[in-house]
């Protein structure tokens, strides 16, 4: 059978983040979360949104009830369920009736393709299973415009008994299924096996519209989906960011980007990919997960360059990037470290509107300073706020906001009483000396309170700057309790975020360095973003 013409064929994107993705460890969406994600997916341009399994839990039933009043502009909402139970007519099956009550334009049901599961999971005969598939699809097609059949464990079932697995597909097709989706439920099939089996299915059932549903247990979820599409699958199921059972589902993020940008297939709306990074971050935010910085296409590190040779080449127009990051809503980053060169320094300065010749003494001096500091334990890759301050200092553009005279931190514990932490800060602002005391839940909290108390009358915009995270890492562990520690503080102000770093053998002093950088950088950004 000839390969499909990718310039004419459209690949359907079927998102199951709200159902299969929610089965991933650590994922727990509320009904409101699911509605927000559904709206975002519709706006992005996926074709199908699988909302859940009506009848399996009250949350999914509430979601489908709420969605009856939500108008989707592009995507079709799908409800998920299983074939009828053995020995029961489809019209008498409560679960199938729940699918109809969802009142959605698409219903996806799964059935067994592997005789082992028919015998031991369903505890019925192979013949009855075929009838269950056909009856269930035919019953749903009487009411539902589009019925998709997910052939569960299809690849394992095919390898065990290819004739029976194909007969399961034929049963669904004879019942009127609009799509036959081949599922690698255990996630252990490899790409060359997927290619061979999908090609065989298309040759055996040339009139069927074939889809693919893969899992990532062998780290082949995306590769298997692409292999299936190359052999003629026109419908791909997966989740945003690869959420899902065990090791997760096929990650739709790289799938959508690769189909459009690398393989020339038609999918999504015209400008959807420009919002791909935002979509990935949005879903992680709703799921309360940290975004994967190394995620392909959309990760913060996906187009980050650390090596001096790489950065120099990129700035000169040579490519160390497989695509233009802006095509997927991402951006290039030049990382500053001891591996950087003059080009990285010049590139970073240019981003901030500062012109530095990469071969100038200033660039070399700054590079030497960074190298020395990183040797001492600093890291500027994740602390660009502190690097910007170094850059401004080296170029003479850093304005002094205040001068530290000294600080003191006292932690007192008496018997079973609550621990008391008190910080005293002495500094000078515009020639005026400030001596303030503040209490806190710990040394850093107390120091932060005292610093703010001293500065607030001079810089009221300080109230908009918030500390959002605090990390401590031992730099040279072999030194034991005398080791240096690196403190990184994440801060935010309005819609802007930044990180700063401090290093010392004294954890409180390291925290103070990072804290002061955070406040100074935040105040300077308030003056000039």
Protein backbone atom coordinates (compact mmCIF):
# COMPACT_ATOMS: atom_id res chain seq x y z
CA UNK A 1 0.00 0.00 0.00
CA UNK A 2 1.35 3.43 -0.92
CA UNK A 3 2.32 5.98 1.71
CA UNK A 4 -0.19 8.83 2.31
CA UNK A 5 0.35 12.20 0.68
CA UNK A 6 1.08 14.37 3.70
CA UNK A 7 0.46 17.59 1.77
CA UNK A 8 -3.20 16.64 1.34
CA UNK A 9 -3.99 14.50 4.36
CA UNK A 10 -5.09 16.12 7.61
CA UNK A 11 -4.10 14.47 10.86
CA UNK A 12 -6.75 14.67 13.57
CA UNK A 13 -5.53 15.68 17.03
CA UNK A 14 -7.41 13.91 19.82
CA UNK A 15 -6.57 15.19 23.30
CA UNK A 16 -7.19 12.98 26.32
CA UNK A 17 -5.46 15.10 28.98
CA UNK A 18 -8.69 15.41 30.96
CA UNK A 19 -9.26 11.65 31.08
CA UNK A 20 -6.15 9.55 30.42
CA UNK A 21 -3.85 12.37 31.53
CA UNK A 22 -5.67 12.75 34.85
CA UNK A 23 -4.76 9.13 35.65
CA UNK A 24 -1.10 10.13 35.97
CA UNK A 25 0.47 10.12 39.40
CA UNK A 26 0.23 13.54 41.04
CA UNK A 27 -2.46 14.83 38.64
CA UNK A 28 -5.75 15.85 40.20
CA UNK A 29 -7.99 18.22 38.24
CA UNK A 30 -11.07 19.85 39.72
CA UNK A 31 -14.17 20.27 37.57
CA UNK A 32 -13.27 23.93 37.14
CA UNK A 33 -9.72 22.96 36.12
CA UNK A 34 -11.07 20.63 33.46
CA UNK A 35 -13.38 23.28 32.05
CA UNK A 36 -10.53 25.82 31.84
CA UNK A 37 -8.26 23.34 30.07
CA UNK A 38 -11.04 22.32 27.68
CA UNK A 39 -11.58 25.95 26.69
CA UNK A 40 -7.85 26.45 26.17
CA UNK A 41 -7.56 23.30 24.02
CA UNK A 42 -10.52 24.43 21.92
CA UNK A 43 -8.98 27.86 21.48
CA UNK A 44 -5.68 26.21 20.49
CA UNK A 45 -7.39 24.16 17.81
CA UNK A 46 -7.34 20.44 18.68
CA UNK A 47 -10.04 18.41 16.97
CA UNK A 48 -11.31 16.27 19.85
CA UNK A 49 -11.29 16.78 23.62
CA UNK A 50 -11.93 13.66 25.66
CA UNK A 51 -13.50 14.97 28.86
CA UNK A 52 -13.69 11.86 31.00
CA UNK A 53 -15.67 8.71 31.72
CA UNK A 54 -19.31 9.48 32.67
CA UNK A 55 -20.50 7.06 35.31
CA UNK A 56 -17.02 6.24 36.61
CA UNK A 57 -16.97 9.10 39.13
CA UNK A 58 -19.10 12.10 40.19
CA UNK A 59 -16.48 14.61 39.01
CA UNK A 60 -16.69 13.50 35.38
CA UNK A 61 -20.48 13.49 35.49
CA UNK A 62 -20.41 17.05 36.87
CA UNK A 63 -17.95 18.08 34.13
CA UNK A 64 -20.17 16.86 31.30
CA UNK A 65 -23.20 18.47 32.90
CA UNK A 66 -21.36 21.82 33.12
CA UNK A 67 -20.06 21.49 29.57
CA UNK A 68 -23.61 21.39 28.21
CA UNK A 69 -23.65 25.17 28.68
CA UNK A 70 -20.14 25.73 27.26
CA UNK A 71 -19.96 26.38 23.53
CA UNK A 72 -16.81 25.03 21.91
CA UNK A 73 -15.82 26.87 18.73
CA UNK A 74 -13.68 24.22 17.06
CA UNK A 75 -13.16 21.02 19.05
CA UNK A 76 -15.69 18.24 19.53
CA UNK A 77 -16.21 17.00 23.08
CA UNK A 78 -15.88 13.23 23.55
CA UNK A 79 -17.06 10.98 26.36
CA UNK A 80 -15.15 7.78 27.10
CA UNK A 81 -16.38 4.37 28.18
CA UNK A 82 -16.20 0.64 27.55
CA UNK A 83 -18.17 -1.91 25.57
CA UNK A 84 -21.21 -3.48 27.18
CA UNK A 85 -20.77 -6.13 29.83
CA UNK A 86 -20.95 -9.80 28.89
CA UNK A 87 -24.44 -11.25 28.85
CA UNK A 88 -26.24 -7.89 28.85
CA UNK A 89 -27.95 -6.18 25.94
CA UNK A 90 -26.44 -2.77 25.16
CA UNK A 91 -29.68 -0.90 25.89
CA UNK A 92 -29.65 -2.46 29.39
CA UNK A 93 -26.06 -1.56 30.13
CA UNK A 94 -25.96 1.31 32.66
CA UNK A 95 -22.53 2.49 31.55
CA UNK A 96 -23.57 2.86 27.90
CA UNK A 97 -26.65 4.76 29.03
CA UNK A 98 -24.39 7.16 30.97
CA UNK A 99 -22.49 7.87 27.77
CA UNK A 100 -25.72 8.85 26.05
CA UNK A 101 -26.72 11.07 28.97
CA UNK A 102 -23.52 13.09 28.47
CA UNK A 103 -25.11 14.42 25.25
CA UNK A 104 -21.83 14.82 23.39
CA UNK A 105 -21.19 14.59 19.62
CA UNK A 106 -18.45 11.99 20.05
CA UNK A 107 -18.26 8.82 22.13
CA UNK A 108 -15.09 6.74 22.37
CA UNK A 109 -15.39 3.21 23.68
CA UNK A 110 -12.66 0.69 24.23
CA UNK A 111 -12.79 -3.05 23.88
CA UNK A 112 -10.41 -5.96 24.29
CA UNK A 113 -8.14 -7.07 21.43
CA UNK A 114 -5.99 -9.53 23.38
CA UNK A 115 -7.45 -12.95 24.09
CA UNK A 116 -5.56 -13.08 27.39
CA UNK A 117 -7.58 -10.10 28.65
CA UNK A 118 -10.82 -11.46 27.21
CA UNK A 119 -10.40 -14.69 29.16
CA UNK A 120 -8.95 -13.38 32.42
CA UNK A 121 -10.12 -9.74 32.73
CA UNK A 122 -13.58 -9.98 31.14
CA UNK A 123 -13.98 -13.68 31.96
CA UNK A 124 -15.89 -14.33 28.78
CA UNK A 125 -15.33 -16.08 25.47
CA UNK A 126 -13.54 -14.62 22.43
CA UNK A 127 -16.77 -14.96 20.44
CA UNK A 128 -18.81 -13.06 23.04
CA UNK A 129 -16.18 -10.29 23.11
CA UNK A 130 -16.55 -9.78 19.36
CA UNK A 131 -20.31 -9.50 19.78
CA UNK A 132 -19.87 -7.04 22.67
CA UNK A 133 -17.77 -4.79 20.44
CA UNK A 134 -20.17 -4.85 17.51
CA UNK A 135 -23.33 -4.47 19.63
CA UNK A 136 -21.95 -1.56 21.65
CA UNK A 137 -20.78 0.43 18.63
CA UNK A 138 -24.03 -0.20 16.74
CA UNK A 139 -26.12 0.84 19.75
CA UNK A 140 -24.23 4.11 20.19
CA UNK A 141 -24.31 4.91 16.46
CA UNK A 142 -28.11 5.05 16.59
CA UNK A 143 -27.78 8.31 18.58
CA UNK A 144 -24.20 9.57 18.55
CA UNK A 145 -22.84 11.22 15.36
CA UNK A 146 -19.26 9.97 15.79
CA UNK A 147 -18.26 6.76 17.52
CA UNK A 148 -14.56 6.01 17.92
CA UNK A 149 -13.39 2.54 18.81
CA UNK A 150 -10.20 2.24 20.88
CA UNK A 151 -8.75 -1.24 20.43
CA UNK A 152 -7.15 -1.75 23.83
CA UNK A 153 -3.90 -3.78 23.96
CA UNK A 154 -4.07 -4.06 20.19
CA UNK A 155 -0.34 -4.44 19.52
CA UNK A 156 0.19 -7.05 22.24
CA UNK A 157 -2.97 -8.81 21.11
CA UNK A 158 -1.84 -8.74 17.49
CA UNK A 159 1.52 -10.25 18.36
CA UNK A 160 -0.23 -13.03 20.32
CA UNK A 161 -2.97 -13.76 17.74
CA UNK A 162 -3.10 -11.46 14.73
CA UNK A 163 -6.27 -13.00 13.29
CA UNK A 164 -8.27 -12.40 16.46
CA UNK A 165 -6.98 -8.83 16.90
CA UNK A 166 -8.02 -8.01 13.33
CA UNK A 167 -11.42 -9.63 13.88
CA UNK A 168 -11.96 -7.27 16.84
CA UNK A 169 -11.43 -4.35 14.47
CA UNK A 170 -13.78 -5.90 11.92
CA UNK A 171 -16.45 -6.22 14.63
CA UNK A 172 -16.19 -2.52 15.45
CA UNK A 173 -16.21 -1.58 11.78
CA UNK A 174 -19.31 -3.68 11.11
CA UNK A 175 -21.02 -1.95 14.04
CA UNK A 176 -20.41 1.39 12.32
CA UNK A 177 -17.29 2.74 14.08
CA UNK A 178 -16.05 5.96 12.48
CA UNK A 179 -12.43 5.51 13.65
CA UNK A 180 -10.44 2.42 14.61
CA UNK A 181 -7.72 3.45 17.07
CA UNK A 182 -4.88 1.01 17.68
CA UNK A 183 -3.73 1.23 21.30
CA UNK A 184 -0.32 0.31 22.67
CA UNK A 185 -1.79 0.15 26.16
CA UNK A 186 1.24 -1.35 27.89
CA UNK A 187 3.60 1.04 26.09
CA UNK A 188 6.19 -1.61 25.25
CA UNK A 189 5.93 -1.80 21.46
CA UNK A 190 8.82 -0.41 19.42
CA UNK A 191 8.54 1.86 16.35
CA UNK A 192 9.48 -0.78 13.75
CA UNK A 193 6.77 -3.08 15.15
CA UNK A 194 4.19 -0.28 15.06
CA UNK A 195 5.05 0.45 11.42
CA UNK A 196 4.67 -3.18 10.37
CA UNK A 197 1.40 -3.74 12.23
CA UNK A 198 -0.25 -0.47 11.16
CA UNK A 199 0.63 -1.22 7.53
CA UNK A 200 -0.91 -4.69 7.87
CA UNK A 201 -4.10 -3.24 9.37
CA UNK A 202 -4.47 -0.73 6.55
CA UNK A 203 -3.99 -3.46 3.96
CA UNK A 204 -6.51 -5.72 5.71
CA UNK A 205 -9.08 -2.95 6.25
CA UNK A 206 -8.52 -0.43 3.43
CA UNK A 207 -11.80 1.42 4.05
CA UNK A 208 -11.12 2.04 7.75
CA UNK A 209 -9.92 5.35 9.16
CA UNK A 210 -7.10 4.29 11.47
CA UNK A 211 -5.85 6.12 14.58
CA UNK A 212 -3.02 5.56 17.05
CA UNK A 213 -2.91 5.71 20.87
CA UNK A 214 0.47 5.08 22.50
CA UNK A 215 2.01 5.07 25.96
CA UNK A 216 5.55 5.92 26.94
CA UNK A 217 6.73 2.96 29.04
CA UNK A 218 9.61 2.25 26.63
CA UNK A 219 10.17 5.99 25.95
CA UNK A 220 8.73 5.46 22.47
CA UNK A 221 5.31 7.08 22.81
CA UNK A 222 6.00 9.94 20.40
CA UNK A 223 8.17 7.85 18.05
CA UNK A 224 5.47 5.15 17.85
CA UNK A 225 2.78 7.68 17.03
CA UNK A 226 4.91 9.19 14.25
CA UNK A 227 5.66 5.70 12.92
CA UNK A 228 1.92 4.95 12.74
CA UNK A 229 1.17 8.23 10.98
CA UNK A 230 3.87 7.52 8.40
CA UNK A 231 2.05 4.26 7.63
CA UNK A 232 -1.30 5.97 7.16
CA UNK A 233 -2.85 6.59 10.57
CA UNK A 234 -4.86 9.83 10.28
CA UNK A 235 -5.84 10.30 13.92
CA UNK A 236 -3.47 10.56 16.91
CA UNK A 237 -4.42 10.44 20.57
CA UNK A 238 -2.30 11.78 23.42
CA UNK A 239 -2.04 14.28 26.24
CA UNK A 240 -0.48 17.70 26.73
CA UNK A 241 2.99 17.30 28.29
CA UNK A 242 2.63 13.52 28.18
CA UNK A 243 0.55 13.15 31.36
CA UNK A 244 -0.85 9.68 31.94
CA UNK A 245 -0.78 6.32 33.64
CA UNK A 246 2.64 4.96 34.74
CA UNK A 247 5.21 6.63 32.43
CA UNK A 248 2.58 8.69 30.66
CA UNK A 249 0.85 8.91 27.30
CA UNK A 250 2.15 10.07 23.95
CA UNK A 251 3.04 13.75 24.38
CA UNK A 252 0.97 15.77 21.92
CA UNK A 253 3.23 18.82 22.22
CA UNK A 254 6.15 17.46 20.13
CA UNK A 255 3.72 15.46 17.98
CA UNK A 256 1.84 18.56 16.84
CA UNK A 257 5.03 20.53 16.23
CA UNK A 258 6.73 17.72 14.32
CA UNK A 259 3.70 16.96 12.15
CA UNK A 260 3.38 20.56 11.05
CA UNK A 261 6.97 21.79 10.93
CA UNK A 262 8.92 18.69 9.97
CA UNK A 263 6.55 16.36 8.16
CA UNK A 264 4.33 18.83 6.32
CA UNK A 265 1.02 17.42 7.54
CA UNK A 266 -2.02 19.62 7.93
CA UNK A 267 -3.19 19.78 11.55
CA UNK A 268 -4.46 22.45 13.95
CA UNK A 269 -5.37 25.99 12.95
CA UNK A 270 -3.02 28.17 10.94
CA UNK A 271 -1.32 30.05 13.78
CA UNK A 272 -1.83 27.56 16.62
CA UNK A 273 1.79 26.49 16.98
CA UNK A 274 2.83 30.02 17.86
CA UNK A 275 1.01 29.40 21.16
CA UNK A 276 2.35 25.89 21.80
CA UNK A 277 4.78 26.89 24.55
CA UNK A 278 2.05 28.88 26.29
CA UNK A 279 -0.37 25.95 26.11
CA UNK A 280 2.19 23.57 27.61
CA UNK A 281 2.94 25.98 30.45
CA UNK A 282 -0.75 26.70 31.03
CA UNK A 283 -1.68 23.05 31.51
CA UNK A 284 1.27 22.51 33.87
CA UNK A 285 0.18 25.55 35.85
CA UNK A 286 -3.39 24.23 36.19
CA UNK A 287 -2.01 20.82 37.21
CA UNK A 288 0.24 22.57 39.76
CA UNK A 289 3.36 21.03 38.23
CA UNK A 290 6.73 22.59 37.51
CA UNK A 291 7.20 23.02 33.78
CA UNK A 292 9.83 20.69 32.33
CA UNK A 293 12.69 22.99 31.36
CA UNK A 294 14.16 20.33 29.04
CA UNK A 295 10.95 19.54 27.17
CA UNK A 296 11.42 19.44 23.41
CA UNK A 297 10.19 22.52 21.51
CA UNK A 298 8.64 24.24 24.55
CA UNK A 299 11.09 23.87 27.45
CA UNK A 300 12.99 26.87 28.77
CA UNK A 301 16.23 25.07 27.87
CA UNK A 302 15.06 23.90 24.44
CA UNK A 303 16.88 26.76 22.70
CA UNK A 304 19.40 27.64 25.43
CA UNK A 305 23.09 27.85 24.49
CA UNK A 306 25.80 27.49 27.11
CA UNK A 307 28.97 26.63 25.25
CA UNK A 308 30.92 29.61 23.92
CA UNK A 309 31.36 28.04 20.48
CA UNK A 310 27.61 27.43 20.19
CA UNK A 311 26.67 30.93 21.32
CA UNK A 312 29.21 32.54 18.98
CA UNK A 313 27.94 30.53 16.01
CA UNK A 314 24.27 31.27 16.76
CA UNK A 315 24.90 34.99 17.04
CA UNK A 316 26.70 34.90 13.69
CA UNK A 317 23.72 33.23 12.04
CA UNK A 318 24.90 29.59 12.07
CA UNK A 319 22.37 27.09 13.38
CA UNK A 320 22.52 25.10 16.57
CA UNK A 321 18.70 25.01 16.66
CA UNK A 322 16.53 22.53 14.77
CA UNK A 323 13.77 25.14 14.24
CA UNK A 324 13.22 28.85 14.78
CA UNK A 325 12.04 28.92 18.45
CA UNK A 326 9.47 31.62 17.67
CA UNK A 327 7.52 29.13 15.52
CA UNK A 328 6.38 27.41 18.72
CA UNK A 329 6.22 30.51 20.91
CA UNK A 330 9.60 29.89 22.54
CA UNK A 331 12.76 32.00 22.54
CA UNK A 332 16.52 31.66 22.38
CA UNK A 333 18.55 32.01 25.56
CA UNK A 334 22.29 32.52 25.96
CA UNK A 335 23.47 31.00 29.24
CA UNK A 336 26.24 32.62 31.21
CA UNK A 337 28.77 30.28 32.84
CA UNK A 338 32.46 29.51 32.89
CA UNK A 339 31.88 27.78 29.53
CA UNK A 340 30.66 31.00 27.93
CA UNK A 341 32.71 33.19 25.65
CA UNK A 342 32.83 36.84 24.71
CA UNK A 343 29.98 36.32 22.26
CA UNK A 344 27.69 35.13 25.06
CA UNK A 345 28.53 38.20 27.12
CA UNK A 346 27.96 40.51 24.15
CA UNK A 347 24.71 38.75 23.27
CA UNK A 348 23.39 39.02 26.82
CA UNK A 349 24.33 42.69 26.92
CA UNK A 350 22.57 43.33 23.61
CA UNK A 351 19.37 41.78 24.99
CA UNK A 352 19.47 44.47 27.67
CA UNK A 353 20.25 47.33 25.32
CA UNK A 354 23.94 47.52 26.28
CA UNK A 355 26.51 47.53 23.50
CA UNK A 356 29.69 45.59 24.34
CA UNK A 357 32.28 44.42 21.84
CA UNK A 358 32.86 40.72 22.49
CA UNK A 359 36.62 41.32 22.25
CA UNK A 360 36.64 44.42 24.45
CA UNK A 361 38.41 44.58 27.83
CA UNK A 362 35.00 45.00 29.50
CA UNK A 363 33.71 41.74 28.02
CA UNK A 364 36.88 39.88 28.94
CA UNK A 365 36.90 41.31 32.47
CA UNK A 366 33.27 40.32 33.01
CA UNK A 367 33.93 36.85 31.64
CA UNK A 368 36.90 36.44 33.99
CA UNK A 369 34.77 37.59 36.92
CA UNK A 370 32.04 35.10 36.07
CA UNK A 371 34.61 32.32 35.75
CA UNK A 372 36.05 33.17 39.17
CA UNK A 373 32.63 33.36 40.77
CA UNK A 374 31.46 30.05 39.29
CA UNK A 375 34.66 28.46 40.59
CA UNK A 376 33.69 29.85 43.99
CA UNK A 377 30.25 28.21 43.77
CA UNK A 378 28.06 30.76 41.99
CA UNK A 379 25.81 29.70 39.10
CA UNK A 380 24.27 32.29 36.81
CA UNK A 381 22.36 29.93 34.51
CA UNK A 382 19.30 30.08 36.74
CA UNK A 383 20.02 33.49 38.28
CA UNK A 384 19.85 35.98 35.46
CA UNK A 385 18.83 38.75 37.87
CA UNK A 386 22.21 38.55 39.59
CA UNK A 387 23.97 38.36 36.23
CA UNK A 388 22.19 41.51 35.02
CA UNK A 389 23.42 43.34 38.11
CA UNK A 390 26.97 42.15 37.40
CA UNK A 391 26.63 43.33 33.82
CA UNK A 392 25.38 46.77 34.89
CA UNK A 393 28.17 47.02 37.43
CA UNK A 394 30.82 46.12 34.84
CA UNK A 395 29.50 48.69 32.37
CA UNK A 396 29.02 51.45 34.92
CA UNK A 397 25.22 51.54 34.53
CA UNK A 398 24.30 50.20 37.99
CA UNK A 399 22.71 52.84 40.22
CA UNK A 400 23.29 52.48 43.96
CA UNK A 401 19.92 52.35 45.71
CA UNK A 402 21.25 51.92 49.27
CA UNK A 403 24.46 51.09 51.14
CA UNK A 404 24.57 48.30 53.71
CA UNK A 405 26.23 49.22 57.01
CA UNK A 406 25.62 45.84 58.64
CA UNK A 407 23.08 43.24 59.73
CA UNK A 408 22.59 40.90 62.67
CA UNK A 409 20.35 37.86 63.04
CA UNK A 410 19.44 36.24 66.38
CA UNK A 411 17.65 32.91 66.81
CA UNK A 412 16.50 32.19 70.37
CA UNK A 413 15.01 28.98 71.76
CA UNK A 414 14.07 28.58 75.40
CA UNK A 415 12.79 25.23 76.62
CA UNK A 416 9.55 24.25 74.90
CA UNK A 417 8.71 27.80 73.92
CA UNK A 418 8.35 28.83 70.29
CA UNK A 419 11.59 29.75 68.53
CA UNK A 420 12.06 33.50 68.11
CA UNK A 421 14.02 34.92 65.17
CA UNK A 422 15.00 38.60 65.10
CA UNK A 423 16.97 40.51 62.47
CA UNK A 424 18.54 43.96 62.71
CA UNK A 425 19.55 45.81 59.53
CA UNK A 426 21.53 49.05 59.33
CA UNK A 427 21.79 50.81 55.97
CA UNK A 428 22.00 54.22 54.35
CA UNK A 429 19.62 55.61 51.72
CA UNK A 430 20.31 59.01 50.12
CA UNK A 431 22.56 59.97 53.03
CA UNK A 432 19.93 59.01 55.61
CA UNK A 433 20.81 56.16 57.97
CA UNK A 434 18.19 53.53 58.83
CA UNK A 435 18.37 51.09 61.77
CA UNK A 436 15.44 48.68 61.89
CA UNK A 437 14.48 45.46 63.67
CA UNK A 438 12.02 42.82 62.47
CA UNK A 439 10.92 39.36 63.57
CA UNK A 440 10.23 36.45 61.25
CA UNK A 441 9.55 32.75 60.99
CA UNK A 442 13.24 32.18 60.28
CA UNK A 443 16.45 34.10 59.55
CA UNK A 444 15.68 34.82 55.88
CA UNK A 445 12.11 35.85 56.62
CA UNK A 446 13.30 38.17 59.40
CA UNK A 447 16.03 39.70 57.21
CA UNK A 448 13.55 40.22 54.39
CA UNK A 449 11.16 41.93 56.79
CA UNK A 450 13.85 44.21 58.19
CA UNK A 451 15.16 45.15 54.73
CA UNK A 452 11.67 46.01 53.51
CA UNK A 453 10.93 47.97 56.66
CA UNK A 454 14.06 50.08 56.12
CA UNK A 455 13.42 50.73 52.42
CA UNK A 456 9.64 51.04 52.14
CA UNK A 457 9.43 54.79 52.77
CA UNK A 458 11.98 55.41 50.00
CA UNK A 459 10.73 52.76 47.56
CA UNK A 460 6.99 52.08 48.05
CA UNK A 461 7.00 49.96 44.89
CA UNK A 462 8.79 47.33 47.01
CA UNK A 463 5.36 46.10 48.13
CA UNK A 464 4.80 44.64 44.64
CA UNK A 465 7.94 42.46 44.88
CA UNK A 466 7.30 39.01 46.33
CA UNK A 467 9.66 36.13 47.13
CA UNK A 468 8.20 33.01 45.54
CA UNK A 469 10.83 30.33 46.18
CA UNK A 470 13.98 29.72 48.20
CA UNK A 471 16.51 26.98 47.41
CA UNK A 472 19.70 25.98 49.23
CA UNK A 473 22.38 23.71 47.81
CA UNK A 474 25.70 22.64 49.29
CA UNK A 475 28.49 23.45 46.82
CA UNK A 476 31.47 21.46 48.14
CA UNK A 477 29.96 18.58 50.10
CA UNK A 478 33.36 17.15 51.07
CA UNK A 479 33.80 20.04 53.51
CA UNK A 480 30.91 18.85 55.65
CA UNK A 481 29.40 21.51 57.91
CA UNK A 482 32.05 24.01 56.78
CA UNK A 483 30.99 23.69 53.15
CA UNK A 484 29.86 26.60 51.02
CA UNK A 485 26.18 26.87 50.29
CA UNK A 486 24.50 28.42 47.26
CA UNK A 487 21.16 30.11 47.86
CA UNK A 488 18.84 30.88 44.96
CA UNK A 489 15.81 33.11 45.48
CA UNK A 490 12.97 33.34 42.97
CA UNK A 491 10.97 36.56 43.01
CA UNK A 492 8.11 38.11 41.11
CA UNK A 493 6.73 41.57 40.56
CA UNK A 494 3.53 41.88 38.59
CA UNK A 495 3.90 39.76 35.48
CA UNK A 496 7.72 39.57 35.73
CA UNK A 497 9.83 36.85 37.40
CA UNK A 498 13.54 36.73 38.18
CA UNK A 499 16.08 34.72 40.18
CA UNK A 500 19.12 35.80 42.15
CA UNK A 501 21.98 33.90 43.80
CA UNK A 502 24.33 34.21 46.78
CA UNK A 503 27.21 32.00 47.96
CA UNK A 504 28.99 31.81 51.33
CA UNK A 505 30.17 29.34 53.95
CA UNK A 506 27.53 31.03 56.11
CA UNK A 507 24.01 30.18 54.94
CA UNK A 508 22.53 33.40 56.36
CA UNK A 509 25.11 35.52 54.55
CA UNK A 510 24.52 33.61 51.28
CA UNK A 511 20.79 34.23 51.74
CA UNK A 512 21.43 37.92 52.37
CA UNK A 513 23.44 38.27 49.14
CA UNK A 514 20.63 36.66 47.12
CA UNK A 515 17.98 38.67 48.97
CA UNK A 516 19.65 42.03 48.35
CA UNK A 517 20.15 41.21 44.67
CA UNK A 518 16.48 40.28 44.42
CA UNK A 519 15.30 43.56 45.93
CA UNK A 520 17.72 45.76 43.97
CA UNK A 521 16.96 44.03 40.69
CA UNK A 522 13.22 44.22 41.32
CA UNK A 523 13.36 47.93 42.11
CA UNK A 524 15.46 48.67 39.03
CA UNK A 525 12.98 46.76 36.87
CA UNK A 526 10.19 48.87 38.30
CA UNK A 527 12.06 51.95 37.09
CA UNK A 528 12.85 50.55 33.64
CA UNK A 529 11.59 47.09 32.54
